[in-house]
Amino acid sequence: MKLARRGLESDTRLAGKRRARRPRRASRDLRFVARLLEGEQMSHLCREFGISRETGYKIFERYKDHGLEALSDRSRRPVRYANQLPARIEGLIVGLKGNKPHWGARKIRELLVRRLDGDVRVPAKSTIHAVLHRHGLVKPIGRWRARRPSPRTSGFRRSALG
């Protein structure tokens, strides 16, 4: 047993107990609104459910505006990503690299500047390189490695004269 090896077998909090599962947010919100509609006070309910009064009012307003479906669990995924390139531009970059595989990000950017001509903001060279890298169209540059000294240079030292 892992706990016994660590010397924690005497700690009853850790030995064999599982963490209690929290109720799903939707069911919690539904119970909260139901009790609020029965006439209980907002501050008392918020304290009992462990939420702030601001959150309690937010849940209740959402219920009043949109009904029961507003209390269901919602996705936390953002609606849009602020710095994401439009798919059209990204496709154009990948297409240009496909047509001219020896071109790099700098040349592709110059061509985009001429082609788009102020219609859309042209992405930076580093952004274009990131797109090419993401699609596997960039060959990574080999890193510099220290080489073993050759017999000709191994005995070479700076002269004492300077």
Foldseek 3Di string as FASTA:
>chain_A
DVCVVVVNCVPPVPPPDDDDDDDDQLVLLVVLLVVVVVPDDLVVSCVVSVHDSVVSVVSNVQCVVPNSVSSDDDDPDDPDDPPDDPPVLLVQLVVVCVVPVVDALVVSQVVCCVVCVPVDDGDDSVVSNVSCVVVVSDDDDDDDDDDDDDPVCPPDDDDPVD
